[in-house]
Amino acid sequence: MTTSTATHTLLRAEGFSCPSCVVKIEKQVGRLKGVENVKVHFASSRIEIDHDAERVSVDDLVTAVAKSGYKATPSAF
């Protein structure tokens, strides 16, 4: 039996120029092992991620966003 350590993380992204940016970020972050769900909100430049904090850290998430060509920072809201 495994216990889930799901964490909900919010990131603010910079550099969005079109809605297709959303797909690039969702695919890149979604590839990380331990990420359960990724939702990018284009209008607010917000990225919501449900992930296993023991398998993938917030720094890993920020790095994945950077690999897709955008800058992201952790956000409280």
PDB file of N, CA and C in Angstrom:
ATOM      1  N   MET A   1       0.846  -1.179   0.000  1.00  0.00           N
ATOM      2  CA  MET A   1       0.000   0.000   0.000  1.00  0.00           C
ATOM      3  C   MET A   1       0.889   1.239   0.000  1.00  0.00           C
ATOM      4  N   THR A   2       0.608   2.149  -0.908  1.00  0.00           N
ATOM      5  CA  THR A   2       1.380   3.380  -0.972  1.00  0.00           C
ATOM      6  C   THR A   2       0.529   4.546  -0.505  1.00  0.00           C
ATOM      7  N   THR A   3       1.180   5.506   0.113  1.00  0.00           N
ATOM      8  CA  THR A   3       0.462   6.701   0.533  1.00  0.00           C
ATOM      9  C   THR A   3       0.828   7.838  -0.405  1.00  0.00           C
ATOM     10  N   SER A   4      -0.144   8.612  -0.758  1.00  0.00           N
ATOM     11  CA  SER A   4       0.081   9.722  -1.674  1.00  0.00           C
ATOM     12  C   SER A   4       0.493  10.960  -0.901  1.00  0.00           C
ATOM     13  N   THR A   5       1.513  11.619  -1.404  1.00  0.00           N
ATOM     14  CA  THR A   5       1.952  12.871  -0.798  1.00  0.00           C
ATOM     15  C   THR A   5       1.718  13.996  -1.803  1.00  0.00           C
ATOM     16  N   ALA A   6       0.525  14.010  -2.362  1.00  0.00           N
ATOM     17  CA  ALA A   6       0.204  14.985  -3.389  1.00  0.00           C
ATOM     18  C   ALA A   6       0.260  16.405  -2.838  1.00  0.00           C
ATOM     19  N   THR A   7       0.918  17.246  -3.611  1.00  0.00           N
ATOM     20  CA  THR A   7       1.072  18.649  -3.267  1.00  0.00           C
ATOM     21  C   THR A   7       0.520  19.477  -4.421  1.00  0.00           C
ATOM     22  N   HIS A   8      -0.136  20.568  -4.092  1.00  0.00           N
ATOM     23  CA  HIS A   8      -0.655  21.484  -5.110  1.00  0.00           C
ATOM     24  C   HIS A   8       0.254  22.710  -5.118  1.00  0.00           C
ATOM     25  N   THR A   9       0.942  22.920  -6.241  1.00  0.00           N
ATOM     26  CA  THR A   9       1.886  24.029  -6.355  1.00  0.00           C
ATOM     27  C   THR A   9       1.401  25.019  -7.402  1.00  0.00           C
ATOM     28  N   LEU A  10       1.538  26.292  -7.083  1.00  0.00           N
ATOM     29  CA  LEU A  10       1.210  27.353  -8.027  1.00  0.00           C
ATOM     30  C   LEU A  10       2.491  28.059  -8.461  1.00  0.00           C
ATOM     31  N   LEU A  11       2.620  28.248  -9.768  1.00  0.00           N
ATOM     32  CA  LEU A  11       3.739  28.999 -10.317  1.00  0.00           C
ATOM     33  C   LEU A  11       3.196  30.154 -11.136  1.00  0.00           C
ATOM     34  N   ARG A  12       3.943  31.237 -11.187  1.00  0.00           N
ATOM     35  CA  ARG A  12       3.644  32.362 -12.086  1.00  0.00           C
ATOM     36  C   ARG A  12       4.666  32.298 -13.206  1.00  0.00           C
ATOM     37  N   ALA A  13       4.193  32.383 -14.424  1.00  0.00           N
ATOM     38  CA  ALA A  13       5.082  32.291 -15.578  1.00  0.00           C
ATOM     39  C   ALA A  13       5.197  33.646 -16.264  1.00  0.00           C
ATOM     40  N   GLU A  14       6.312  33.830 -16.941  1.00  0.00           N
ATOM     41  CA  GLU A  14       6.554  35.054 -17.712  1.00  0.00           C
ATOM     42  C   GLU A  14       6.864  34.672 -19.147  1.00  0.00           C
ATOM     43  N   GLY A  15       6.504  35.556 -20.065  1.00  0.00           N
ATOM     44  CA  GLY A  15       6.882  35.361 -21.458  1.00  0.00           C
ATOM     45  C   GLY A  15       5.833  34.713 -22.330  1.00  0.00           C
ATOM     46  N   PHE A  16       4.618  34.540 -21.800  1.00  0.00           N
ATOM     47  CA  PHE A  16       3.549  33.987 -22.628  1.00  0.00           C
ATOM     48  C   PHE A  16       3.251  34.948 -23.766  1.00  0.00           C
ATOM     49  N   SER A  17       3.168  34.431 -24.969  1.00  0.00           N
ATOM     50  CA  SER A  17       2.814  35.302 -26.091  1.00  0.00           C
ATOM     51  C   SER A  17       1.607  34.792 -26.853  1.00  0.00           C
ATOM     52  N   CYS A  18       1.265  33.524 -26.667  1.00  0.00           N
ATOM     53  CA  CYS A  18       0.121  32.959 -27.382  1.00  0.00           C
ATOM     54  C   CYS A  18      -0.392  31.722 -26.647  1.00  0.00           C
ATOM     55  N   PRO A  19      -1.614  31.323 -26.928  1.00  0.00           N
ATOM     56  CA  PRO A  19      -2.170  30.144 -26.253  1.00  0.00           C
ATOM     57  C   PRO A  19      -1.403  28.845 -26.525  1.00  0.00           C
ATOM     58  N   SER A  20      -0.646  28.775 -27.605  1.00  0.00           N
ATOM     59  CA  SER A  20       0.111  27.543 -27.868  1.00  0.00           C
ATOM     60  C   SER A  20       1.236  27.355 -26.843  1.00  0.00           C
ATOM     61  N   CYS A  21       1.613  28.435 -26.165  1.00  0.00           N
ATOM     62  CA  CYS A  21       2.606  28.345 -25.092  1.00  0.00           C
ATOM     63  C   CYS A  21       2.109  27.405 -23.995  1.00  0.00           C
ATOM     64  N   VAL A  22       0.815  27.426 -23.772  1.00  0.00           N
ATOM     65  CA  VAL A  22       0.185  26.602 -22.744  1.00  0.00           C
ATOM     66  C   VAL A  22       0.497  25.134 -22.987  1.00  0.00           C
ATOM     67  N   VAL A  23       0.331  24.684 -24.207  1.00  0.00           N
ATOM     68  CA  VAL A  23       0.551  23.282 -24.556  1.00  0.00           C
ATOM     69  C   VAL A  23       2.008  22.891 -24.334  1.00  0.00           C
ATOM     70  N   LYS A  24       2.922  23.764 -24.728  1.00  0.00           N
ATOM     71  CA  LYS A  24       4.347  23.469 -24.554  1.00  0.00           C
ATOM     72  C   LYS A  24       4.691  23.265 -23.084  1.00  0.00           C
ATOM     73  N   ILE A  25       4.184  24.140 -22.238  1.00  0.00           N
ATOM     74  CA  ILE A  25       4.479  24.042 -20.809  1.00  0.00           C
ATOM     75  C   ILE A  25       3.823  22.800 -20.204  1.00  0.00           C
ATOM     76  N   GLU A  26       2.557  22.573 -20.528  1.00  0.00           N
ATOM     77  CA  GLU A  26       1.851  21.417 -19.973  1.00  0.00           C
ATOM     78  C   GLU A  26       2.542  20.110 -20.354  1.00  0.00           C
ATOM     79  N   LYS A  27       3.007  19.998 -21.586  1.00  0.00           N
ATOM     80  CA  LYS A  27       3.694  18.775 -22.014  1.00  0.00           C
ATOM     81  C   LYS A  27       5.019  18.599 -21.285  1.00  0.00           C
ATOM     82  N   GLN A  28       5.810  19.660 -21.197  1.00  0.00           N
ATOM     83  CA  GLN A  28       7.129  19.574 -20.574  1.00  0.00           C
ATOM     84  C   GLN A  28       7.017  19.230 -19.090  1.00  0.00           C
ATOM     85  N   VAL A  29       6.152  19.917 -18.374  1.00  0.00           N
ATOM     86  CA  VAL A  29       5.999  19.668 -16.936  1.00  0.00           C
ATOM     87  C   VAL A  29       5.334  18.306 -16.712  1.00  0.00           C
ATOM     88  N   GLY A  30       4.380  17.965 -17.548  1.00  0.00           N
ATOM     89  CA  GLY A  30       3.669  16.698 -17.414  1.00  0.00           C
ATOM     90  C   GLY A  30       4.542  15.477 -17.611  1.00  0.00           C
ATOM     91  N   ARG A  31       5.690  15.632 -18.243  1.00  0.00           N
ATOM     92  CA  ARG A  31       6.614  14.516 -18.454  1.00  0.00           C
ATOM     93  C   ARG A  31       7.356  14.093 -17.195  1.00  0.00           C
ATOM     94  N   LEU A  32       7.412  14.973 -16.219  1.00  0.00           N
ATOM     95  CA  LEU A  32       8.141  14.658 -14.986  1.00  0.00           C
ATOM     96  C   LEU A  32       7.443  13.545 -14.215  1.00  0.00           C
ATOM     97  N   LYS A  33       8.246  12.580 -13.763  1.00  0.00           N
ATOM     98  CA  LYS A  33       7.684  11.506 -12.945  1.00  0.00           C
ATOM     99  C   LYS A  33       7.277  12.083 -11.604  1.00  0.00           C
ATOM    100  N   GLY A  34       6.047  11.815 -11.226  1.00  0.00           N
ATOM    101  CA  GLY A  34       5.524  12.353  -9.977  1.00  0.00           C
ATOM    102  C   GLY A  34       4.519  13.471 -10.190  1.00  0.00           C
ATOM    103  N   VAL A  35       4.442  13.996 -11.429  1.00  0.00           N
ATOM    104  CA  VAL A  35       3.456  15.029 -11.730  1.00  0.00           C
ATOM    105  C   VAL A  35       2.146  14.337 -12.117  1.00  0.00           C
ATOM    106  N   GLU A  36       1.080  14.685 -11.412  1.00  0.00           N
ATOM    107  CA  GLU A  36      -0.216  14.065 -11.644  1.00  0.00           C
ATOM    108  C   GLU A  36      -1.104  14.892 -12.564  1.00  0.00           C
ATOM    109  N   ASN A  37      -1.003  16.216 -12.452  1.00  0.00           N
ATOM    110  CA  ASN A  37      -1.872  17.090 -13.234  1.00  0.00           C
ATOM    111  C   ASN A  37      -1.201  18.449 -13.419  1.00  0.00           C
ATOM    112  N   VAL A  38      -1.344  19.008 -14.625  1.00  0.00           N
ATOM    113  CA  VAL A  38      -0.804  20.338 -14.916  1.00  0.00           C
ATOM    114  C   VAL A  38      -1.889  21.133 -15.627  1.00  0.00           C
ATOM    115  N   LYS A  39      -2.138  22.345 -15.165  1.00  0.00           N
ATOM    116  CA  LYS A  39      -3.112  23.224 -15.809  1.00  0.00           C
ATOM    117  C   LYS A  39      -2.496  24.612 -15.905  1.00  0.00           C
ATOM    118  N   VAL A  40      -2.343  25.095 -17.133  1.00  0.00           N
ATOM    119  CA  VAL A  40      -1.790  26.424 -17.356  1.00  0.00           C
ATOM    120  C   VAL A  40      -2.943  27.364 -17.700  1.00  0.00           C
ATOM    121  N   HIS A  41      -2.999  28.485 -17.005  1.00  0.00           N
ATOM    122  CA  HIS A  41      -4.024  29.498 -17.250  1.00  0.00           C
ATOM    123  C   HIS A  41      -3.366  30.645 -18.017  1.00  0.00           C
ATOM    124  N   PHE A  42      -3.653  30.719 -19.308  1.00  0.00           N
ATOM    125  CA  PHE A  42      -3.013  31.696 -20.181  1.00  0.00           C
ATOM    126  C   PHE A  42      -3.273  33.130 -19.729  1.00  0.00           C
ATOM    127  N   ALA A  43      -4.515  33.464 -19.444  1.00  0.00           N
ATOM    128  CA  ALA A  43      -4.890  34.842 -19.129  1.00  0.00           C
ATOM    129  C   ALA A  43      -4.191  35.373 -17.875  1.00  0.00           C
ATOM    130  N   SER A  44      -3.992  34.514 -16.888  1.00  0.00           N
ATOM    131  CA  SER A  44      -3.385  34.960 -15.632  1.00  0.00           C
ATOM    132  C   SER A  44      -1.916  34.547 -15.494  1.00  0.00           C
ATOM    133  N   SER A  45      -1.389  33.841 -16.484  1.00  0.00           N
ATOM    134  CA  SER A  45      -0.004  33.346 -16.462  1.00  0.00           C
ATOM    135  C   SER A  45       0.264  32.480 -15.234  1.00  0.00           C
ATOM    136  N   ARG A  46      -0.754  31.746 -14.817  1.00  0.00           N
ATOM    137  CA  ARG A  46      -0.649  30.881 -13.644  1.00  0.00           C
ATOM    138  C   ARG A  46      -0.529  29.425 -14.077  1.00  0.00           C
ATOM    139  N   ILE A  47       0.303  28.677 -13.395  1.00  0.00           N
ATOM    140  CA  ILE A  47       0.444  27.249 -13.651  1.00  0.00           C
ATOM    141  C   ILE A  47       0.108  26.521 -12.358  1.00  0.00           C
ATOM    142  N   GLU A  48      -0.878  25.627 -12.411  1.00  0.00           N
ATOM    143  CA  GLU A  48      -1.261  24.829 -11.254  1.00  0.00           C
ATOM    144  C   GLU A  48      -0.784  23.408 -11.499  1.00  0.00           C
ATOM    145  N   ILE A  49      -0.080  22.851 -10.514  1.00  0.00           N
ATOM    146  CA  ILE A  49       0.495  21.528 -10.670  1.00  0.00           C
ATOM    147  C   ILE A  49       0.201  20.695  -9.433  1.00  0.00           C
ATOM    148  N   ASP A  50      -0.345  19.497  -9.642  1.00  0.00           N
ATOM    149  CA  ASP A  50      -0.509  18.512  -8.586  1.00  0.00           C
ATOM    150  C   ASP A  50       0.609  17.502  -8.769  1.00  0.00           C
ATOM    151  N   HIS A  51       1.410  17.315  -7.729  1.00  0.00           N
ATOM    152  CA  HIS A  51       2.564  16.424  -7.865  1.00  0.00           C
ATOM    153  C   HIS A  51       2.921  15.773  -6.543  1.00  0.00           C
ATOM    154  N   ASP A  52       3.720  14.726  -6.632  1.00  0.00           N
ATOM    155  CA  ASP A  52       4.240  14.039  -5.462  1.00  0.00           C
ATOM    156  C   ASP A  52       5.511  14.767  -5.044  1.00  0.00           C
ATOM    157  N   ALA A  53       5.458  15.453  -3.935  1.00  0.00           N
ATOM    158  CA  ALA A  53       6.583  16.279  -3.475  1.00  0.00           C
ATOM    159  C   ALA A  53       7.821  15.456  -3.140  1.00  0.00           C
ATOM    160  N   GLU A  54       7.645  14.169  -2.915  1.00  0.00           N
ATOM    161  CA  GLU A  54       8.797  13.306  -2.630  1.00  0.00           C
ATOM    162  C   GLU A  54       9.525  12.908  -3.914  1.00  0.00           C
ATOM    163  N   ARG A  55       8.853  13.014  -5.040  1.00  0.00           N
ATOM    164  CA  ARG A  55       9.453  12.607  -6.315  1.00  0.00           C
ATOM    165  C   ARG A  55       9.890  13.777  -7.181  1.00  0.00           C
ATOM    166  N   VAL A  56       9.190  14.896  -7.053  1.00  0.00           N
ATOM    167  CA  VAL A  56       9.516  16.071  -7.875  1.00  0.00           C
ATOM    168  C   VAL A  56       9.348  17.329  -7.015  1.00  0.00           C
ATOM    169  N   SER A  57      10.392  18.150  -7.002  1.00  0.00           N
ATOM    170  CA  SER A  57      10.388  19.355  -6.167  1.00  0.00           C
ATOM    171  C   SER A  57       9.878  20.563  -6.957  1.00  0.00           C
ATOM    172  N   VAL A  58       9.641  21.647  -6.249  1.00  0.00           N
ATOM    173  CA  VAL A  58       9.236  22.893  -6.901  1.00  0.00           C
ATOM    174  C   VAL A  58      10.343  23.359  -7.842  1.00  0.00           C
ATOM    175  N   ASP A  59      11.592  23.185  -7.438  1.00  0.00           N
ATOM    176  CA  ASP A  59      12.715  23.547  -8.316  1.00  0.00           C
ATOM    177  C   ASP A  59      12.688  22.737  -9.612  1.00  0.00           C
ATOM    178  N   ASP A  60      12.331  21.453  -9.516  1.00  0.00           N
ATOM    179  CA  ASP A  60      12.209  20.613 -10.715  1.00  0.00           C
ATOM    180  C   ASP A  60      11.119  21.157 -11.640  1.00  0.00           C
ATOM    181  N   LEU A  61      10.026  21.619 -11.055  1.00  0.00           N
ATOM    182  CA  LEU A  61       8.921  22.162 -11.849  1.00  0.00           C
ATOM    183  C   LEU A  61       9.348  23.445 -12.553  1.00  0.00           C
ATOM    184  N   VAL A  62      10.023  24.326 -11.828  1.00  0.00           N
ATOM    185  CA  VAL A  62      10.508  25.577 -12.404  1.00  0.00           C
ATOM    186  C   VAL A  62      11.492  25.288 -13.542  1.00  0.00           C
ATOM    187  N   THR A  63      12.361  24.303 -13.348  1.00  0.00           N
ATOM    188  CA  THR A  63      13.327  23.916 -14.377  1.00  0.00           C
ATOM    189  C   THR A  63      12.622  23.379 -15.619  1.00  0.00           C
ATOM    190  N   ALA A  64      11.566  22.593 -15.429  1.00  0.00           N
ATOM    191  CA  ALA A  64      10.813  22.058 -16.565  1.00  0.00           C
ATOM    192  C   ALA A  64      10.155  23.180 -17.364  1.00  0.00           C
ATOM    193  N   VAL A  65       9.633  24.188 -16.673  1.00  0.00           N
ATOM    194  CA  VAL A  65       9.044  25.337 -17.369  1.00  0.00           C
ATOM    195  C   VAL A  65      10.137  26.062 -18.151  1.00  0.00           C
ATOM    196  N   ALA A  66      11.307  26.207 -17.560  1.00  0.00           N
ATOM    197  CA  ALA A  66      12.427  26.865 -18.236  1.00  0.00           C
ATOM    198  C   ALA A  66      12.836  26.102 -19.499  1.00  0.00           C
ATOM    199  N   LYS A  67      12.788  24.776 -19.438  1.00  0.00           N
ATOM    200  CA  LYS A  67      13.126  23.958 -20.611  1.00  0.00           C
ATOM    201  C   LYS A  67      12.140  24.182 -21.755  1.00  0.00           C
ATOM    202  N   SER A  68      10.923  24.592 -21.423  1.00  0.00           N
ATOM    203  CA  SER A  68       9.945  24.865 -22.477  1.00  0.00           C
ATOM    204  C   SER A  68      10.065  26.303 -22.995  1.00  0.00           C
ATOM    205  N   GLY A  69      10.997  27.077 -22.423  1.00  0.00           N
ATOM    206  CA  GLY A  69      11.285  28.409 -22.926  1.00  0.00           C
ATOM    207  C   GLY A  69      10.691  29.571 -22.156  1.00  0.00           C
ATOM    208  N   TYR A  70      10.229  29.323 -20.929  1.00  0.00           N
ATOM    209  CA  TYR A  70       9.581  30.368 -20.156  1.00  0.00           C
ATOM    210  C   TYR A  70      10.149  30.401 -18.747  1.00  0.00           C
ATOM    211  N   LYS A  71      10.025  31.542 -18.103  1.00  0.00           N
ATOM    212  CA  LYS A  71      10.491  31.684 -16.729  1.00  0.00           C
ATOM    213  C   LYS A  71       9.294  31.541 -15.808  1.00  0.00           C
ATOM    214  N   ALA A  72       9.490  30.812 -14.705  1.00  0.00           N
ATOM    215  CA  ALA A  72       8.423  30.640 -13.731  1.00  0.00           C
ATOM    216  C   ALA A  72       8.996  30.813 -12.333  1.00  0.00           C
ATOM    217  N   THR A  73       8.149  31.299 -11.440  1.00  0.00           N
ATOM    218  CA  THR A  73       8.513  31.432 -10.032  1.00  0.00           C
ATOM    219  C   THR A  73       7.374  30.925  -9.172  1.00  0.00           C
ATOM    220  N   PRO A  74       7.692  30.362  -8.008  1.00  0.00           N
ATOM    221  CA  PRO A  74       6.634  29.915  -7.098  1.00  0.00           C
ATOM    222  C   PRO A  74       5.746  31.091  -6.684  1.00  0.00           C
ATOM    223  N   SER A  75       4.476  30.805  -6.494  1.00  0.00           N
ATOM    224  CA  SER A  75       3.512  31.843  -6.133  1.00  0.00           C
ATOM    225  C   SER A  75       2.621  31.354  -5.008  1.00  0.00           C
ATOM    226  N   ALA A  76       2.245  32.260  -4.135  1.00  0.00           N
ATOM    227  CA  ALA A  76       1.343  31.904  -3.039  1.00  0.00           C
ATOM    228  C   ALA A  76      -0.108  31.865  -3.493  1.00  0.00           C
ATOM    229  N   PHE A  77      -0.423  32.553  -4.592  1.00  0.00           N
ATOM    230  CA  PHE A  77      -1.800  32.585  -5.110  1.00  0.00           C
ATOM    231  C   PHE A  77      -1.810  32.788  -6.581  1.00  0.00           C
TER     232      PHE A  77
END
